[in-house]
Amino acid sequence: MRIDKFLNAVNITKRRAVAQDMIASQVVLLNDRVAKASKNVEVGDIIKILYLKGEKSYRVLGIPTTKSTPKSRQDEYVKELS
């Protein structure tokens, strides 16, 4: 699954357009490399998002098969790292 779709599907971003803007601004890293919107996410990858007030990192645990998942099931697909 493309990284922009993944960020939206697992509720890290509210909309896919927001994810695409973040990727275009080069604040999303996939395995410590600047991500492109077309890059595919795989189980075990590390996604790092650089915010103005810090950063958040996530480990991919699974790939959703649906377009969106409930916020309550987010921990099935990503684990926030400290």
PDB file of N, CA and C in Angstrom:
ATOM      1  N   MET A   1       0.845  -1.170   0.000  1.00  0.00           N
ATOM      2  CA  MET A   1       0.000   0.000   0.000  1.00  0.00           C
ATOM      3  C   MET A   1       0.895   1.241   0.000  1.00  0.00           C
ATOM      4  N   ARG A   2       0.499   2.234  -0.781  1.00  0.00           N
ATOM      5  CA  ARG A   2       1.260   3.485  -0.857  1.00  0.00           C
ATOM      6  C   ARG A   2       1.282   4.168   0.508  1.00  0.00           C
ATOM      7  N   ILE A   3       2.365   4.872   0.791  1.00  0.00           N
ATOM      8  CA  ILE A   3       2.512   5.487   2.115  1.00  0.00           C
ATOM      9  C   ILE A   3       1.450   6.554   2.368  1.00  0.00           C
ATOM     10  N   ASP A   4       1.069   7.314   1.341  1.00  0.00           N
ATOM     11  CA  ASP A   4       0.043   8.337   1.562  1.00  0.00           C
ATOM     12  C   ASP A   4      -1.307   7.694   1.894  1.00  0.00           C
ATOM     13  N   LYS A   5      -1.641   6.598   1.241  1.00  0.00           N
ATOM     14  CA  LYS A   5      -2.880   5.877   1.548  1.00  0.00           C
ATOM     15  C   LYS A   5      -2.804   5.232   2.929  1.00  0.00           C
ATOM     16  N   PHE A   6      -1.624   4.708   3.267  1.00  0.00           N
ATOM     17  CA  PHE A   6      -1.439   4.042   4.552  1.00  0.00           C
ATOM     18  C   PHE A   6      -1.637   5.020   5.704  1.00  0.00           C
ATOM     19  N   LEU A   7      -1.029   6.200   5.624  1.00  0.00           N
ATOM     20  CA  LEU A   7      -1.158   7.193   6.693  1.00  0.00           C
ATOM     21  C   LEU A   7      -2.619   7.569   6.918  1.00  0.00           C
ATOM     22  N   ASN A   8      -3.376   7.651   5.843  1.00  0.00           N
ATOM     23  CA  ASN A   8      -4.798   7.964   5.961  1.00  0.00           C
ATOM     24  C   ASN A   8      -5.585   6.751   6.473  1.00  0.00           C
ATOM     25  N   ALA A   9      -5.300   5.583   5.984  1.00  0.00           N
ATOM     26  CA  ALA A   9      -6.064   4.382   6.339  1.00  0.00           C
ATOM     27  C   ALA A   9      -5.943   4.022   7.818  1.00  0.00           C
ATOM     28  N   VAL A  10      -4.781   4.283   8.419  1.00  0.00           N
ATOM     29  CA  VAL A  10      -4.594   3.922   9.824  1.00  0.00           C
ATOM     30  C   VAL A  10      -4.762   5.124  10.750  1.00  0.00           C
ATOM     31  N   ASN A  11      -5.341   6.198  10.232  1.00  0.00           N
ATOM     32  CA  ASN A  11      -5.717   7.376  11.015  1.00  0.00           C
ATOM     33  C   ASN A  11      -4.536   8.138  11.613  1.00  0.00           C
ATOM     34  N   ILE A  12      -3.396   8.120  10.959  1.00  0.00           N
ATOM     35  CA  ILE A  12      -2.298   8.984  11.382  1.00  0.00           C
ATOM     36  C   ILE A  12      -2.566  10.398  10.867  1.00  0.00           C
ATOM     37  N   THR A  13      -3.102  10.493   9.650  1.00  0.00           N
ATOM     38  CA  THR A  13      -3.567  11.777   9.120  1.00  0.00           C
ATOM     39  C   THR A  13      -5.074  11.676   8.885  1.00  0.00           C
ATOM     40  N   LYS A  14      -5.735  12.825   8.929  1.00  0.00           N
ATOM     41  CA  LYS A  14      -7.194  12.825   8.777  1.00  0.00           C
ATOM     42  C   LYS A  14      -7.625  12.625   7.330  1.00  0.00           C
ATOM     43  N   ARG A  15      -6.830  13.148   6.398  1.00  0.00           N
ATOM     44  CA  ARG A  15      -7.164  13.023   4.979  1.00  0.00           C
ATOM     45  C   ARG A  15      -5.913  12.658   4.184  1.00  0.00           C
ATOM     46  N   ARG A  16      -6.118  11.998   3.062  1.00  0.00           N
ATOM     47  CA  ARG A  16      -5.005  11.616   2.203  1.00  0.00           C
ATOM     48  C   ARG A  16      -4.296  12.848   1.661  1.00  0.00           C
ATOM     49  N   ALA A  17      -5.033  13.921   1.400  1.00  0.00           N
ATOM     50  CA  ALA A  17      -4.430  15.159   0.901  1.00  0.00           C
ATOM     51  C   ALA A  17      -3.438  15.734   1.913  1.00  0.00           C
ATOM     52  N   VAL A  18      -3.757  15.600   3.190  1.00  0.00           N
ATOM     53  CA  VAL A  18      -2.846  16.059   4.244  1.00  0.00           C
ATOM     54  C   VAL A  18      -1.567  15.224   4.209  1.00  0.00           C
ATOM     55  N   ALA A  19      -1.715  13.914   4.068  1.00  0.00           N
ATOM     56  CA  ALA A  19      -0.551  13.034   3.980  1.00  0.00           C
ATOM     57  C   ALA A  19       0.305  13.393   2.768  1.00  0.00           C
ATOM     58  N   GLN A  20      -0.331  13.655   1.634  1.00  0.00           N
ATOM     59  CA  GLN A  20       0.406  14.019   0.431  1.00  0.00           C
ATOM     60  C   GLN A  20       1.153  15.342   0.609  1.00  0.00           C
ATOM     61  N   ASP A  21       0.527  16.313   1.275  1.00  0.00           N
ATOM     62  CA  ASP A  21       1.192  17.590   1.545  1.00  0.00           C
ATOM     63  C   ASP A  21       2.398  17.402   2.458  1.00  0.00           C
ATOM     64  N   MET A  22       2.249  16.561   3.471  1.00  0.00           N
ATOM     65  CA  MET A  22       3.361  16.298   4.393  1.00  0.00           C
ATOM     66  C   MET A  22       4.514  15.615   3.658  1.00  0.00           C
ATOM     67  N   ILE A  23       4.190  14.698   2.769  1.00  0.00           N
ATOM     68  CA  ILE A  23       5.220  13.999   1.998  1.00  0.00           C
ATOM     69  C   ILE A  23       5.907  14.972   1.047  1.00  0.00           C
ATOM     70  N   ALA A  24       5.134  15.846   0.402  1.00  0.00           N
ATOM     71  CA  ALA A  24       5.703  16.848  -0.510  1.00  0.00           C
ATOM     72  C   ALA A  24       6.604  17.826   0.236  1.00  0.00           C
ATOM     73  N   SER A  25       6.294  18.082   1.504  1.00  0.00           N
ATOM     74  CA  SER A  25       7.110  18.979   2.327  1.00  0.00           C
ATOM     75  C   SER A  25       8.330  18.273   2.920  1.00  0.00           C
ATOM     76  N   GLN A  26       8.481  17.000   2.633  1.00  0.00           N
ATOM     77  CA  GLN A  26       9.610  16.173   3.061  1.00  0.00           C
ATOM     78  C   GLN A  26       9.732  16.074   4.581  1.00  0.00           C
ATOM     79  N   VAL A  27       8.592  15.949   5.263  1.00  0.00           N
ATOM     80  CA  VAL A  27       8.610  15.754   6.715  1.00  0.00           C
ATOM     81  C   VAL A  27       8.248  14.322   7.102  1.00  0.00           C
ATOM     82  N   VAL A  28       8.041  13.464   6.098  1.00  0.00           N
ATOM     83  CA  VAL A  28       7.742  12.052   6.351  1.00  0.00           C
ATOM     84  C   VAL A  28       8.940  11.229   5.889  1.00  0.00           C
ATOM     85  N   LEU A  29       9.477  10.428   6.824  1.00  0.00           N
ATOM     86  CA  LEU A  29      10.604   9.562   6.512  1.00  0.00           C
ATOM     87  C   LEU A  29      10.160   8.113   6.595  1.00  0.00           C
ATOM     88  N   LEU A  30      10.607   7.309   5.656  1.00  0.00           N
ATOM     89  CA  LEU A  30      10.329   5.875   5.656  1.00  0.00           C
ATOM     90  C   LEU A  30      11.669   5.172   5.753  1.00  0.00           C
ATOM     91  N   ASN A  31      11.912   4.508   6.874  1.00  0.00           N
ATOM     92  CA  ASN A  31      13.191   3.853   7.137  1.00  0.00           C
ATOM     93  C   ASN A  31      14.347   4.843   7.010  1.00  0.00           C
ATOM     94  N   ASP A  32      14.178   6.016   7.621  1.00  0.00           N
ATOM     95  CA  ASP A  32      15.188   7.091   7.672  1.00  0.00           C
ATOM     96  C   ASP A  32      15.538   7.681   6.316  1.00  0.00           C
ATOM     97  N   ARG A  33      14.660   7.548   5.345  1.00  0.00           N
ATOM     98  CA  ARG A  33      14.818   8.199   4.039  1.00  0.00           C
ATOM     99  C   ARG A  33      13.564   9.016   3.762  1.00  0.00           C
ATOM    100  N   VAL A  34      13.735  10.157   3.115  1.00  0.00           N
ATOM    101  CA  VAL A  34      12.584  10.987   2.762  1.00  0.00           C
ATOM    102  C   VAL A  34      11.670  10.171   1.862  1.00  0.00           C
ATOM    103  N   ALA A  35      10.398  10.114   2.223  1.00  0.00           N
ATOM    104  CA  ALA A  35       9.429   9.280   1.504  1.00  0.00           C
ATOM    105  C   ALA A  35       8.838  10.023   0.314  1.00  0.00           C
ATOM    106  N   LYS A  36       8.531   9.257  -0.719  1.00  0.00           N
ATOM    107  CA  LYS A  36       7.750   9.758  -1.851  1.00  0.00           C
ATOM    108  C   LYS A  36       6.360   9.146  -1.720  1.00  0.00           C
ATOM    109  N   ALA A  37       5.350   9.850  -2.224  1.00  0.00           N
ATOM    110  CA  ALA A  37       3.962   9.398  -2.068  1.00  0.00           C
ATOM    111  C   ALA A  37       3.725   8.015  -2.672  1.00  0.00           C
ATOM    112  N   SER A  38       4.477   7.668  -3.682  1.00  0.00           N
ATOM    113  CA  SER A  38       4.261   6.389  -4.366  1.00  0.00           C
ATOM    114  C   SER A  38       4.996   5.221  -3.699  1.00  0.00           C
ATOM    115  N   LYS A  39       5.785   5.486  -2.676  1.00  0.00           N
ATOM    116  CA  LYS A  39       6.560   4.430  -2.021  1.00  0.00           C
ATOM    117  C   LYS A  39       5.633   3.493  -1.263  1.00  0.00           C
ATOM    118  N   ASN A  40       5.842   2.200  -1.417  1.00  0.00           N
ATOM    119  CA  ASN A  40       5.012   1.203  -0.745  1.00  0.00           C
ATOM    120  C   ASN A  40       5.513   0.938   0.668  1.00  0.00           C
ATOM    121  N   VAL A  41       4.571   0.759   1.582  1.00  0.00           N
ATOM    122  CA  VAL A  41       4.867   0.442   2.975  1.00  0.00           C
ATOM    123  C   VAL A  41       4.776  -1.066   3.146  1.00  0.00           C
ATOM    124  N   GLU A  42       5.715  -1.628   3.916  1.00  0.00           N
ATOM    125  CA  GLU A  42       5.703  -3.060   4.194  1.00  0.00           C
ATOM    126  C   GLU A  42       5.768  -3.277   5.699  1.00  0.00           C
ATOM    127  N   VAL A  43       5.361  -4.448   6.140  1.00  0.00           N
ATOM    128  CA  VAL A  43       5.398  -4.784   7.563  1.00  0.00           C
ATOM    129  C   VAL A  43       6.845  -4.699   8.050  1.00  0.00           C
ATOM    130  N   GLY A  44       7.035  -4.032   9.186  1.00  0.00           N
ATOM    131  CA  GLY A  44       8.368  -3.876   9.764  1.00  0.00           C
ATOM    132  C   GLY A  44       9.007  -2.530   9.461  1.00  0.00           C
ATOM    133  N   ASP A  45       8.453  -1.775   8.522  1.00  0.00           N
ATOM    134  CA  ASP A  45       8.998  -0.457   8.190  1.00  0.00           C
ATOM    135  C   ASP A  45       8.793   0.506   9.355  1.00  0.00           C
ATOM    136  N   ILE A  46       9.669   1.516   9.414  1.00  0.00           N
ATOM    137  CA  ILE A  46       9.563   2.580  10.412  1.00  0.00           C
ATOM    138  C   ILE A  46       9.198   3.873   9.690  1.00  0.00           C
ATOM    139  N   ILE A  47       8.094   4.479  10.113  1.00  0.00           N
ATOM    140  CA  ILE A  47       7.654   5.762   9.559  1.00  0.00           C
ATOM    141  C   ILE A  47       7.915   6.820  10.611  1.00  0.00           C
ATOM    142  N   LYS A  48       8.631   7.877  10.230  1.00  0.00           N
ATOM    143  CA  LYS A  48       8.922   8.976  11.143  1.00  0.00           C
ATOM    144  C   LYS A  48       8.333  10.247  10.558  1.00  0.00           C
ATOM    145  N   ILE A  49       7.591  10.982  11.373  1.00  0.00           N
ATOM    146  CA  ILE A  49       6.992  12.240  10.945  1.00  0.00           C
ATOM    147  C   ILE A  49       7.605  13.360  11.776  1.00  0.00           C
ATOM    148  N   LEU A  50       8.165  14.350  11.088  1.00  0.00           N
ATOM    149  CA  LEU A  50       8.829  15.471  11.750  1.00  0.00           C
ATOM    150  C   LEU A  50       7.836  16.625  11.878  1.00  0.00           C
ATOM    151  N   TYR A  51       7.394  16.875  13.097  1.00  0.00           N
ATOM    152  CA  TYR A  51       6.495  17.980  13.380  1.00  0.00           C
ATOM    153  C   TYR A  51       7.313  19.174  13.844  1.00  0.00           C
ATOM    154  N   LEU A  52       6.692  20.351  13.911  1.00  0.00           N
ATOM    155  CA  LEU A  52       7.388  21.546  14.378  1.00  0.00           C
ATOM    156  C   LEU A  52       7.843  21.404  15.829  1.00  0.00           C
ATOM    157  N   LYS A  53       7.056  20.702  16.636  1.00  0.00           N
ATOM    158  CA  LYS A  53       7.372  20.553  18.063  1.00  0.00           C
ATOM    159  C   LYS A  53       7.882  19.156  18.394  1.00  0.00           C
ATOM    160  N   GLY A  54       8.587  18.538  17.494  1.00  0.00           N
ATOM    161  CA  GLY A  54       9.129  17.211  17.763  1.00  0.00           C
ATOM    162  C   GLY A  54       8.831  16.250  16.635  1.00  0.00           C
ATOM    163  N   GLU A  55       8.994  14.988  16.921  1.00  0.00           N
ATOM    164  CA  GLU A  55       8.761  13.965  15.902  1.00  0.00           C
ATOM    165  C   GLU A  55       8.066  12.765  16.519  1.00  0.00           C
ATOM    166  N   LYS A  56       7.397  12.006  15.670  1.00  0.00           N
ATOM    167  CA  LYS A  56       6.759  10.760  16.088  1.00  0.00           C
ATOM    168  C   LYS A  56       7.197   9.665  15.143  1.00  0.00           C
ATOM    169  N   SER A  57       7.437   8.500  15.704  1.00  0.00           N
ATOM    170  CA  SER A  57       7.843   7.347  14.913  1.00  0.00           C
ATOM    171  C   SER A  57       6.840   6.220  15.110  1.00  0.00           C
ATOM    172  N   TYR A  58       6.604   5.486  14.043  1.00  0.00           N
ATOM    173  CA  TYR A  58       5.657   4.371  14.066  1.00  0.00           C
ATOM    174  C   TYR A  58       6.285   3.161  13.387  1.00  0.00           C
ATOM    175  N   ARG A  59       6.051   1.974  13.956  1.00  0.00           N
ATOM    176  CA  ARG A  59       6.449   0.720  13.308  1.00  0.00           C
ATOM    177  C   ARG A  59       5.209   0.123  12.672  1.00  0.00           C
ATOM    178  N   VAL A  60       5.328  -0.285  11.423  1.00  0.00           N
ATOM    179  CA  VAL A  60       4.209  -0.883  10.695  1.00  0.00           C
ATOM    180  C   VAL A  60       4.063  -2.337  11.136  1.00  0.00           C
ATOM    181  N   LEU A  61       2.896  -2.674  11.681  1.00  0.00           N
ATOM    182  CA  LEU A  61       2.621  -4.036  12.146  1.00  0.00           C
ATOM    183  C   LEU A  61       1.783  -4.835  11.158  1.00  0.00           C
ATOM    184  N   GLY A  62       1.039  -4.124  10.319  1.00  0.00           N
ATOM    185  CA  GLY A  62       0.176  -4.790   9.353  1.00  0.00           C
ATOM    186  C   GLY A  62      -0.302  -3.794   8.317  1.00  0.00           C
ATOM    187  N   ILE A  63      -0.778  -4.322   7.208  1.00  0.00           N
ATOM    188  CA  ILE A  63      -1.295  -3.491   6.130  1.00  0.00           C
ATOM    189  C   ILE A  63      -2.816  -3.671   6.082  1.00  0.00           C
ATOM    190  N   PRO A  64      -3.577  -2.586   6.230  1.00  0.00           N
ATOM    191  CA  PRO A  64      -5.035  -2.718   6.184  1.00  0.00           C
ATOM    192  C   PRO A  64      -5.521  -3.088   4.782  1.00  0.00           C
ATOM    193  N   THR A  65      -6.601  -3.833   4.736  1.00  0.00           N
ATOM    194  CA  THR A  65      -7.165  -4.234   3.441  1.00  0.00           C
ATOM    195  C   THR A  65      -8.310  -3.321   3.027  1.00  0.00           C
ATOM    196  N   THR A  66      -8.735  -2.460   3.937  1.00  0.00           N
ATOM    197  CA  THR A  66      -9.817  -1.533   3.630  1.00  0.00           C
ATOM    198  C   THR A  66      -9.283  -0.110   3.511  1.00  0.00           C
ATOM    199  N   LYS A  67     -10.117   0.756   2.948  1.00  0.00           N
ATOM    200  CA  LYS A  67      -9.718   2.141   2.723  1.00  0.00           C
ATOM    201  C   LYS A  67      -9.494   2.895   4.023  1.00  0.00           C
ATOM    202  N   SER A  68     -10.285   2.576   5.033  1.00  0.00           N
ATOM    203  CA  SER A  68     -10.114   3.218   6.338  1.00  0.00           C
ATOM    204  C   SER A  68     -10.401   2.208   7.435  1.00  0.00           C
ATOM    205  N   THR A  69      -9.820   2.452   8.593  1.00  0.00           N
ATOM    206  CA  THR A  69     -10.023   1.584   9.737  1.00  0.00           C
ATOM    207  C   THR A  69     -10.483   2.433  10.915  1.00  0.00           C
ATOM    208  N   PRO A  70     -11.236   1.857  11.835  1.00  0.00           N
ATOM    209  CA  PRO A  70     -11.645   2.618  13.017  1.00  0.00           C
ATOM    210  C   PRO A  70     -10.431   2.991  13.861  1.00  0.00           C
ATOM    211  N   LYS A  71     -10.500   4.139  14.498  1.00  0.00           N
ATOM    212  CA  LYS A  71      -9.404   4.613  15.348  1.00  0.00           C
ATOM    213  C   LYS A  71      -9.088   3.596  16.448  1.00  0.00           C
ATOM    214  N   SER A  72     -10.092   2.871  16.902  1.00  0.00           N
ATOM    215  CA  SER A  72      -9.894   1.878  17.961  1.00  0.00           C
ATOM    216  C   SER A  72      -9.047   0.689  17.508  1.00  0.00           C
ATOM    217  N   ARG A  73      -8.933   0.476  16.205  1.00  0.00           N
ATOM    218  CA  ARG A  73      -8.147  -0.650  15.683  1.00  0.00           C
ATOM    219  C   ARG A  73      -6.793  -0.206  15.143  1.00  0.00           C
ATOM    220  N   GLN A  74      -6.401   1.040  15.398  1.00  0.00           N
ATOM    221  CA  GLN A  74      -5.138   1.566  14.881  1.00  0.00           C
ATOM    222  C   GLN A  74      -3.948   0.754  15.398  1.00  0.00           C
ATOM    223  N   ASP A  75      -4.014   0.270  16.647  1.00  0.00           N
ATOM    224  CA  ASP A  75      -2.882  -0.459  17.211  1.00  0.00           C
ATOM    225  C   ASP A  75      -2.648  -1.818  16.565  1.00  0.00           C
ATOM    226  N   GLU A  76      -3.548  -2.275  15.718  1.00  0.00           N
ATOM    227  CA  GLU A  76      -3.333  -3.522  14.969  1.00  0.00           C
ATOM    228  C   GLU A  76      -2.384  -3.298  13.792  1.00  0.00           C
ATOM    229  N   TYR A  77      -2.282  -2.049  13.346  1.00  0.00           N
ATOM    230  CA  TYR A  77      -1.512  -1.748  12.139  1.00  0.00           C
ATOM    231  C   TYR A  77      -0.237  -0.964  12.408  1.00  0.00           C
ATOM    232  N   VAL A  78      -0.214  -0.134  13.439  1.00  0.00           N
ATOM    233  CA  VAL A  78       0.989   0.636  13.765  1.00  0.00           C
ATOM    234  C   VAL A  78       1.211   0.638  15.269  1.00  0.00           C
ATOM    235  N   LYS A  79       2.486   0.749  15.647  1.00  0.00           N
ATOM    236  CA  LYS A  79       2.853   0.891  17.048  1.00  0.00           C
ATOM    237  C   LYS A  79       3.688   2.155  17.155  1.00  0.00           C
ATOM    238  N   GLU A  80       3.261   3.073  18.017  1.00  0.00           N
ATOM    239  CA  GLU A  80       4.018   4.310  18.190  1.00  0.00           C
ATOM    240  C   GLU A  80       5.270   4.013  18.999  1.00  0.00           C
ATOM    241  N   LEU A  81       6.406   4.450  18.472  1.00  0.00           N
ATOM    242  CA  LEU A  81       7.687   4.250  19.152  1.00  0.00           C
ATOM    243  C   LEU A  81       8.032   5.525  19.909  1.00  0.00           C
ATOM    244  N   SER A  82       8.802   5.383  20.977  1.00  0.00           N
ATOM    245  CA  SER A  82       9.159   6.572  21.763  1.00  0.00           C
ATOM    246  C   SER A  82      10.397   7.259  21.220  1.00  0.00           C
TER     247      SER A  82
END
